[in-house]
Amino acid sequence: MSIDPSSLLFILLGFALTFFAGRILGKRWRDRRRERAEQAAREGESRQVRRARERRQPK
């Protein structure tokens, strides 16, 4: 069984598209998960800690 060049090109393009789509989507999901974790940590902070953190952040 031999694979003609057009089939090989189609397979490689499909692989590349899937690979890069997975990387982009994975990064978005990681960023969203990190934001949720940060938000959950902020909800557990006392008022004093929250205000100190807000003062440290640049405007």
Protein backbone atom coordinates (compact mmCIF):
# COMPACT_ATOMS: atom_id res chain seq x y z
CA MET A 1 0.00 0.00 0.00
CA SER A 2 1.54 3.29 -1.06
CA ILE A 3 0.48 6.79 -0.13
CA ASP A 4 0.39 9.32 -2.92
CA PRO A 5 1.83 12.82 -2.29
CA SER A 6 -1.54 14.59 -2.09
CA SER A 7 -2.72 12.21 0.65
CA LEU A 8 0.50 12.70 2.57
CA LEU A 9 0.14 16.47 2.31
CA PHE A 10 -3.46 16.27 3.52
CA ILE A 11 -2.41 14.13 6.50
CA LEU A 12 0.41 16.51 7.43
CA LEU A 13 -1.81 19.59 7.15
CA GLY A 14 -4.43 17.93 9.33
CA PHE A 15 -1.81 17.07 11.92
CA ALA A 16 -0.42 20.61 11.93
CA LEU A 17 -3.87 22.18 12.23
CA THR A 18 -4.84 19.87 15.09
CA PHE A 19 -1.53 20.44 16.88
CA PHE A 20 -1.72 24.24 16.78
CA ALA A 21 -5.42 24.35 17.63
CA GLY A 22 -4.73 22.16 20.66
CA ARG A 23 -1.92 24.44 21.81
CA ILE A 24 -4.04 27.58 21.47
CA LEU A 25 -7.10 26.09 23.17
CA GLY A 26 -4.96 24.52 25.90
CA LYS A 27 -3.39 27.88 26.69
CA ARG A 28 -6.81 29.52 26.94
CA TRP A 29 -8.07 26.78 29.25
CA ARG A 30 -4.97 27.04 31.47
CA ASP A 31 -5.34 30.82 31.68
CA ARG A 32 -9.02 30.54 32.58
CA ARG A 33 -8.30 27.89 35.22
CA ARG A 34 -5.56 30.07 36.74
CA GLU A 35 -7.89 33.09 36.84
CA ARG A 36 -10.56 31.04 38.62
CA ALA A 37 -8.01 29.81 41.17
CA GLU A 38 -6.80 33.37 41.79
CA GLN A 39 -10.39 34.57 42.20
CA ALA A 40 -11.10 31.78 44.69
CA ALA A 41 -7.97 32.71 46.65
CA ARG A 42 -9.03 36.38 46.68
CA GLU A 43 -12.45 35.49 48.05
CA GLY A 44 -10.81 33.89 51.08
CA GLU A 45 -8.68 36.95 51.89
CA SER A 46 -9.39 39.28 54.75
CA ARG A 47 -10.17 42.92 54.04
CA GLN A 48 -6.75 43.99 55.30
CA VAL A 49 -4.90 41.57 52.99
CA ARG A 50 -7.06 42.56 50.02
CA ARG A 51 -6.43 46.28 50.54
CA ALA A 52 -2.67 45.71 50.95
CA ARG A 53 -2.58 43.76 47.68
CA GLU A 54 -4.53 46.49 45.90
CA ARG A 55 -2.05 49.13 47.12
CA ARG A 56 0.89 47.09 45.79
CA GLN A 57 -0.61 46.75 42.31
CA PRO A 58 0.47 49.48 39.88
CA LYS A 59 -2.24 51.74 38.53
